[in-house]
Amino acid sequence: MDDLEDRYLGDGVFAHFDGYHIVLDLRRQDNTTRIALEPAVFRALVDFEESIRKAYVAGAIERQGKR
């Protein structure tokens, strides 16, 4: 399960899977902030990211048409 343990994502954020949650740790010099995402919350995050991509693509297509 090495692929699911303590992976650095960038910007001080590390992720791992505890068997149920996707756990995100924001590590700073002084402390660590932890967020444990349940499957439904992770799905909502993925859906949110997808809506951002769709909005961006729609905007990019509109911009191309105005050139």
PDB file of N, CA and C in Angstrom:
ATOM      1  N   MET A   1       0.813  -1.187   0.000  1.00  0.00           N
ATOM      2  CA  MET A   1       0.000   0.000   0.000  1.00  0.00           C
ATOM      3  C   MET A   1       0.862   1.257   0.000  1.00  0.00           C
ATOM      4  N   ASP A   2       2.106   1.158  -0.436  1.00  0.00           N
ATOM      5  CA  ASP A   2       3.023   2.292  -0.429  1.00  0.00           C
ATOM      6  C   ASP A   2       2.515   3.475  -1.250  1.00  0.00           C
ATOM      7  N   ASP A   3       1.817   3.219  -2.359  1.00  0.00           N
ATOM      8  CA  ASP A   3       1.310   4.307  -3.190  1.00  0.00           C
ATOM      9  C   ASP A   3       0.272   5.143  -2.459  1.00  0.00           C
ATOM     10  N   LEU A   4      -0.333   4.603  -1.421  1.00  0.00           N
ATOM     11  CA  LEU A   4      -1.409   5.292  -0.717  1.00  0.00           C
ATOM     12  C   LEU A   4      -0.934   5.937   0.577  1.00  0.00           C
ATOM     13  N   GLU A   5       0.355   5.907   0.816  1.00  0.00           N
ATOM     14  CA  GLU A   5       0.906   6.430   2.063  1.00  0.00           C
ATOM     15  C   GLU A   5       1.716   7.688   1.825  1.00  0.00           C
ATOM     16  N   ASP A   6       1.355   8.743   2.504  1.00  0.00           N
ATOM     17  CA  ASP A   6       2.132   9.978   2.619  1.00  0.00           C
ATOM     18  C   ASP A   6       2.763  10.445   1.307  1.00  0.00           C
ATOM     19  N   ARG A   7       1.944  10.893   0.409  1.00  0.00           N
ATOM     20  CA  ARG A   7       2.426  11.419  -0.867  1.00  0.00           C
ATOM     21  C   ARG A   7       2.394  12.950  -0.817  1.00  0.00           C
ATOM     22  N   TYR A   8       3.486  13.575  -1.240  1.00  0.00           N
ATOM     23  CA  TYR A   8       3.539  15.031  -1.304  1.00  0.00           C
ATOM     24  C   TYR A   8       2.803  15.496  -2.547  1.00  0.00           C
ATOM     25  N   LEU A   9       1.827  16.410  -2.361  1.00  0.00           N
ATOM     26  CA  LEU A   9       1.044  16.924  -3.480  1.00  0.00           C
ATOM     27  C   LEU A   9       1.545  18.279  -3.967  1.00  0.00           C
ATOM     28  N   GLY A  10       2.239  19.007  -3.110  1.00  0.00           N
ATOM     29  CA  GLY A  10       2.720  20.348  -3.437  1.00  0.00           C
ATOM     30  C   GLY A  10       2.159  21.355  -2.454  1.00  0.00           C
ATOM     31  N   ASP A  11       2.777  22.541  -2.411  1.00  0.00           N
ATOM     32  CA  ASP A  11       2.340  23.632  -1.529  1.00  0.00           C
ATOM     33  C   ASP A  11       2.228  23.223  -0.067  1.00  0.00           C
ATOM     34  N   GLY A  12       3.085  22.318   0.380  1.00  0.00           N
ATOM     35  CA  GLY A  12       3.079  21.889   1.776  1.00  0.00           C
ATOM     36  C   GLY A  12       1.995  20.896   2.121  1.00  0.00           C
ATOM     37  N   VAL A  13       1.307  20.355   1.104  1.00  0.00           N
ATOM     38  CA  VAL A  13       0.201  19.422   1.334  1.00  0.00           C
ATOM     39  C   VAL A  13       0.663  17.990   1.061  1.00  0.00           C
ATOM     40  N   PHE A  14       0.387  17.127   2.036  1.00  0.00           N
ATOM     41  CA  PHE A  14       0.658  15.703   1.912  1.00  0.00           C
ATOM     42  C   PHE A  14      -0.670  14.961   1.991  1.00  0.00           C
ATOM     43  N   ALA A  15      -0.762  13.823   1.316  1.00  0.00           N
ATOM     44  CA  ALA A  15      -1.996  13.034   1.341  1.00  0.00           C
ATOM     45  C   ALA A  15      -1.667  11.580   1.628  1.00  0.00           C
ATOM     46  N   HIS A  16      -2.593  10.925   2.311  1.00  0.00           N
ATOM     47  CA  HIS A  16      -2.514   9.482   2.462  1.00  0.00           C
ATOM     48  C   HIS A  16      -3.928   8.929   2.616  1.00  0.00           C
ATOM     49  N   PHE A  17      -4.041   7.640   2.482  1.00  0.00           N
ATOM     50  CA  PHE A  17      -5.323   6.950   2.577  1.00  0.00           C
ATOM     51  C   PHE A  17      -5.272   6.045   3.790  1.00  0.00           C
ATOM     52  N   ASP A  18      -6.246   6.183   4.678  1.00  0.00           N
ATOM     53  CA  ASP A  18      -6.235   5.398   5.921  1.00  0.00           C
ATOM     54  C   ASP A  18      -7.145   4.173   5.866  1.00  0.00           C
ATOM     55  N   GLY A  19      -7.619   3.864   4.688  1.00  0.00           N
ATOM     56  CA  GLY A  19      -8.531   2.736   4.532  1.00  0.00           C
ATOM     57  C   GLY A  19      -9.972   3.182   4.364  1.00  0.00           C
ATOM     58  N   TYR A  20     -10.282   4.420   4.748  1.00  0.00           N
ATOM     59  CA  TYR A  20     -11.617   4.985   4.568  1.00  0.00           C
ATOM     60  C   TYR A  20     -11.534   6.436   4.100  1.00  0.00           C
ATOM     61  N   HIS A  21     -10.746   7.238   4.799  1.00  0.00           N
ATOM     62  CA  HIS A  21     -10.609   8.657   4.476  1.00  0.00           C
ATOM     63  C   HIS A  21      -9.409   8.897   3.566  1.00  0.00           C
ATOM     64  N   ILE A  22      -9.507   9.944   2.759  1.00  0.00           N
ATOM     65  CA  ILE A  22      -8.322  10.536   2.157  1.00  0.00           C
ATOM     66  C   ILE A  22      -7.933  11.652   3.114  1.00  0.00           C
ATOM     67  N   VAL A  23      -6.751  11.543   3.668  1.00  0.00           N
ATOM     68  CA  VAL A  23      -6.308  12.483   4.696  1.00  0.00           C
ATOM     69  C   VAL A  23      -5.320  13.452   4.063  1.00  0.00           C
ATOM     70  N   LEU A  24      -5.618  14.740   4.215  1.00  0.00           N
ATOM     71  CA  LEU A  24      -4.739  15.797   3.732  1.00  0.00           C
ATOM     72  C   LEU A  24      -4.093  16.477   4.928  1.00  0.00           C
ATOM     73  N   ASP A  25      -2.784  16.574   4.907  1.00  0.00           N
ATOM     74  CA  ASP A  25      -2.037  17.269   5.954  1.00  0.00           C
ATOM     75  C   ASP A  25      -1.358  18.476   5.346  1.00  0.00           C
ATOM     76  N   LEU A  26      -1.609  19.640   5.914  1.00  0.00           N
ATOM     77  CA  LEU A  26      -0.892  20.850   5.551  1.00  0.00           C
ATOM     78  C   LEU A  26       0.192  21.023   6.600  1.00  0.00           C
ATOM     79  N   ARG A  27       1.420  20.801   6.179  1.00  0.00           N
ATOM     80  CA  ARG A  27       2.541  20.831   7.119  1.00  0.00           C
ATOM     81  C   ARG A  27       3.292  22.142   7.003  1.00  0.00           C
ATOM     82  N   ARG A  28       3.425  22.784   8.149  1.00  0.00           N
ATOM     83  CA  ARG A  28       4.187  24.023   8.256  1.00  0.00           C
ATOM     84  C   ARG A  28       5.270  23.799   9.298  1.00  0.00           C
ATOM     85  N   GLN A  29       6.124  24.773   9.448  1.00  0.00           N
ATOM     86  CA  GLN A  29       7.206  24.628  10.417  1.00  0.00           C
ATOM     87  C   GLN A  29       6.667  24.436  11.823  1.00  0.00           C
ATOM     88  N   ASP A  30       5.601  25.159  12.169  1.00  0.00           N
ATOM     89  CA  ASP A  30       5.106  25.167  13.542  1.00  0.00           C
ATOM     90  C   ASP A  30       4.054  24.092  13.830  1.00  0.00           C
ATOM     91  N   ASN A  31       3.276  23.706  12.809  1.00  0.00           N
ATOM     92  CA  ASN A  31       2.171  22.789  13.082  1.00  0.00           C
ATOM     93  C   ASN A  31       1.724  22.068  11.822  1.00  0.00           C
ATOM     94  N   THR A  32       0.782  21.171  12.010  1.00  0.00           N
ATOM     95  CA  THR A  32       0.155  20.448  10.906  1.00  0.00           C
ATOM     96  C   THR A  32      -1.350  20.578  11.059  1.00  0.00           C
ATOM     97  N   THR A  33      -2.008  20.910   9.959  1.00  0.00           N
ATOM     98  CA  THR A  33      -3.464  20.943   9.921  1.00  0.00           C
ATOM     99  C   THR A  33      -3.928  19.737   9.126  1.00  0.00           C
ATOM    100  N   ARG A  34      -4.864  18.994   9.674  1.00  0.00           N
ATOM    101  CA  ARG A  34      -5.313  17.749   9.049  1.00  0.00           C
ATOM    102  C   ARG A  34      -6.788  17.841   8.668  1.00  0.00           C
ATOM    103  N   ILE A  35      -7.095  17.381   7.456  1.00  0.00           N
ATOM    104  CA  ILE A  35      -8.472  17.254   6.983  1.00  0.00           C
ATOM    105  C   ILE A  35      -8.648  15.812   6.525  1.00  0.00           C
ATOM    106  N   ALA A  36      -9.658  15.140   7.066  1.00  0.00           N
ATOM    107  CA  ALA A  36      -9.971  13.762   6.676  1.00  0.00           C
ATOM    108  C   ALA A  36     -11.246  13.788   5.837  1.00  0.00           C
ATOM    109  N   LEU A  37     -11.111  13.486   4.546  1.00  0.00           N
ATOM    110  CA  LEU A  37     -12.239  13.535   3.629  1.00  0.00           C
ATOM    111  C   LEU A  37     -12.914  12.172   3.537  1.00  0.00           C
ATOM    112  N   GLU A  38     -14.184  12.118   3.905  1.00  0.00           N
ATOM    113  CA  GLU A  38     -14.969  10.904   3.707  1.00  0.00           C
ATOM    114  C   GLU A  38     -15.197  10.722   2.208  1.00  0.00           C
ATOM    115  N   PRO A  39     -15.525   9.510   1.764  1.00  0.00           N
ATOM    116  CA  PRO A  39     -15.719   9.281   0.330  1.00  0.00           C
ATOM    117  C   PRO A  39     -16.700  10.257  -0.327  1.00  0.00           C
ATOM    118  N   ALA A  40     -17.812  10.564   0.313  1.00  0.00           N
ATOM    119  CA  ALA A  40     -18.792  11.477  -0.283  1.00  0.00           C
ATOM    120  C   ALA A  40     -18.240  12.893  -0.407  1.00  0.00           C
ATOM    121  N   VAL A  41     -17.436  13.310   0.553  1.00  0.00           N
ATOM    122  CA  VAL A  41     -16.839  14.649   0.500  1.00  0.00           C
ATOM    123  C   VAL A  41     -15.768  14.698  -0.579  1.00  0.00           C
ATOM    124  N   PHE A  42     -14.982  13.644  -0.697  1.00  0.00           N
ATOM    125  CA  PHE A  42     -13.988  13.590  -1.767  1.00  0.00           C
ATOM    126  C   PHE A  42     -14.669  13.630  -3.126  1.00  0.00           C
ATOM    127  N   ARG A  43     -15.768  12.886  -3.275  1.00  0.00           N
ATOM    128  CA  ARG A  43     -16.523  12.892  -4.538  1.00  0.00           C
ATOM    129  C   ARG A  43     -17.015  14.306  -4.845  1.00  0.00           C
ATOM    130  N   ALA A  44     -17.501  15.019  -3.836  1.00  0.00           N
ATOM    131  CA  ALA A  44     -17.966  16.393  -4.023  1.00  0.00           C
ATOM    132  C   ALA A  44     -16.802  17.289  -4.462  1.00  0.00           C
ATOM    133  N   LEU A  45     -15.613  17.070  -3.915  1.00  0.00           N
ATOM    134  CA  LEU A  45     -14.439  17.839  -4.304  1.00  0.00           C
ATOM    135  C   LEU A  45     -14.074  17.562  -5.765  1.00  0.00           C
ATOM    136  N   VAL A  46     -14.104  16.305  -6.156  1.00  0.00           N
ATOM    137  CA  VAL A  46     -13.815  15.935  -7.545  1.00  0.00           C
ATOM    138  C   VAL A  46     -14.855  16.548  -8.481  1.00  0.00           C
ATOM    139  N   ASP A  47     -16.128  16.511  -8.091  1.00  0.00           N
ATOM    140  CA  ASP A  47     -17.187  17.122  -8.902  1.00  0.00           C
ATOM    141  C   ASP A  47     -16.973  18.626  -9.035  1.00  0.00           C
ATOM    142  N   PHE A  48     -16.541  19.269  -7.951  1.00  0.00           N
ATOM    143  CA  PHE A  48     -16.258  20.697  -7.979  1.00  0.00           C
ATOM    144  C   PHE A  48     -15.127  21.002  -8.957  1.00  0.00           C
ATOM    145  N   GLU A  49     -14.070  20.202  -8.895  1.00  0.00           N
ATOM    146  CA  GLU A  49     -12.947  20.384  -9.815  1.00  0.00           C
ATOM    147  C   GLU A  49     -13.414  20.214 -11.257  1.00  0.00           C
ATOM    148  N   GLU A  50     -14.278  19.261 -11.499  1.00  0.00           N
ATOM    149  CA  GLU A  50     -14.801  19.031 -12.848  1.00  0.00           C
ATOM    150  C   GLU A  50     -15.615  20.241 -13.332  1.00  0.00           C
ATOM    151  N   SER A  51     -16.401  20.829 -12.444  1.00  0.00           N
ATOM    152  CA  SER A  51     -17.189  22.003 -12.838  1.00  0.00           C
ATOM    153  C   SER A  51     -16.278  23.192 -13.147  1.00  0.00           C
ATOM    154  N   ILE A  52     -15.173  23.311 -12.436  1.00  0.00           N
ATOM    155  CA  ILE A  52     -14.209  24.369 -12.737  1.00  0.00           C
ATOM    156  C   ILE A  52     -13.611  24.150 -14.123  1.00  0.00           C
ATOM    157  N   ARG A  53     -13.231  22.919 -14.418  1.00  0.00           N
ATOM    158  CA  ARG A  53     -12.674  22.611 -15.746  1.00  0.00           C
ATOM    159  C   ARG A  53     -13.668  22.932 -16.847  1.00  0.00           C
ATOM    160  N   LYS A  54     -14.927  22.527 -16.650  1.00  0.00           N
ATOM    161  CA  LYS A  54     -15.947  22.795 -17.663  1.00  0.00           C
ATOM    162  C   LYS A  54     -16.145  24.288 -17.864  1.00  0.00           C
ATOM    163  N   ALA A  55     -16.180  25.049 -16.782  1.00  0.00           N
ATOM    164  CA  ALA A  55     -16.344  26.496 -16.890  1.00  0.00           C
ATOM    165  C   ALA A  55     -15.144  27.119 -17.601  1.00  0.00           C
ATOM    166  N   TYR A  56     -13.957  26.642 -17.288  1.00  0.00           N
ATOM    167  CA  TYR A  56     -12.755  27.159 -17.932  1.00  0.00           C
ATOM    168  C   TYR A  56     -12.763  26.860 -19.417  1.00  0.00           C
ATOM    169  N   VAL A  57     -13.083  25.613 -19.756  1.00  0.00           N
ATOM    170  CA  VAL A  57     -13.114  25.226 -21.163  1.00  0.00           C
ATOM    171  C   VAL A  57     -14.169  26.040 -21.907  1.00  0.00           C
ATOM    172  N   ALA A  58     -15.323  26.225 -21.320  1.00  0.00           N
ATOM    173  CA  ALA A  58     -16.373  27.016 -21.964  1.00  0.00           C
ATOM    174  C   ALA A  58     -15.890  28.445 -22.188  1.00  0.00           C
ATOM    175  N   GLY A  59     -15.213  29.002 -21.199  1.00  0.00           N
ATOM    176  CA  GLY A  59     -14.668  30.349 -21.348  1.00  0.00           C
ATOM    177  C   GLY A  59     -13.577  30.411 -22.399  1.00  0.00           C
ATOM    178  N   ALA A  60     -12.726  29.390 -22.433  1.00  0.00           N
ATOM    179  CA  ALA A  60     -11.643  29.352 -23.405  1.00  0.00           C
ATOM    180  C   ALA A  60     -12.205  29.242 -24.819  1.00  0.00           C
ATOM    181  N   ILE A  61     -13.247  28.473 -24.991  1.00  0.00           N
ATOM    182  CA  ILE A  61     -13.866  28.333 -26.321  1.00  0.00           C
ATOM    183  C   ILE A  61     -14.475  29.673 -26.734  1.00  0.00           C
ATOM    184  N   GLU A  62     -15.141  30.366 -25.852  1.00  0.00           N
ATOM    185  CA  GLU A  62     -15.712  31.683 -26.150  1.00  0.00           C
ATOM    186  C   GLU A  62     -14.615  32.664 -26.533  1.00  0.00           C
ATOM    187  N   ARG A  63     -13.511  32.669 -25.802  1.00  0.00           N
ATOM    188  CA  ARG A  63     -12.407  33.593 -26.103  1.00  0.00           C
ATOM    189  C   ARG A  63     -11.834  33.312 -27.486  1.00  0.00           C
ATOM    190  N   GLN A  64     -11.703  32.037 -27.834  1.00  0.00           N
ATOM    191  CA  GLN A  64     -11.155  31.698 -29.147  1.00  0.00           C
ATOM    192  C   GLN A  64     -12.054  32.219 -30.266  1.00  0.00           C
ATOM    193  N   GLY A  65     -13.384  32.164 -30.046  1.00  0.00           N
ATOM    194  CA  GLY A  65     -14.329  32.611 -31.067  1.00  0.00           C
ATOM    195  C   GLY A  65     -14.284  34.118 -31.274  1.00  0.00           C
ATOM    196  N   LYS A  66     -13.777  34.884 -30.311  1.00  0.00           N
ATOM    197  CA  LYS A  66     -13.760  36.343 -30.401  1.00  0.00           C
ATOM    198  C   LYS A  66     -12.474  36.874 -31.053  1.00  0.00           C
ATOM    199  N   ARG A  67     -11.538  36.035 -31.357  1.00  0.00           N
ATOM    200  CA  ARG A  67     -10.259  36.485 -31.930  1.00  0.00           C
ATOM    201  C   ARG A  67     -10.421  36.900 -33.372  1.00  0.00           C
TER     202      ARG A  67
END
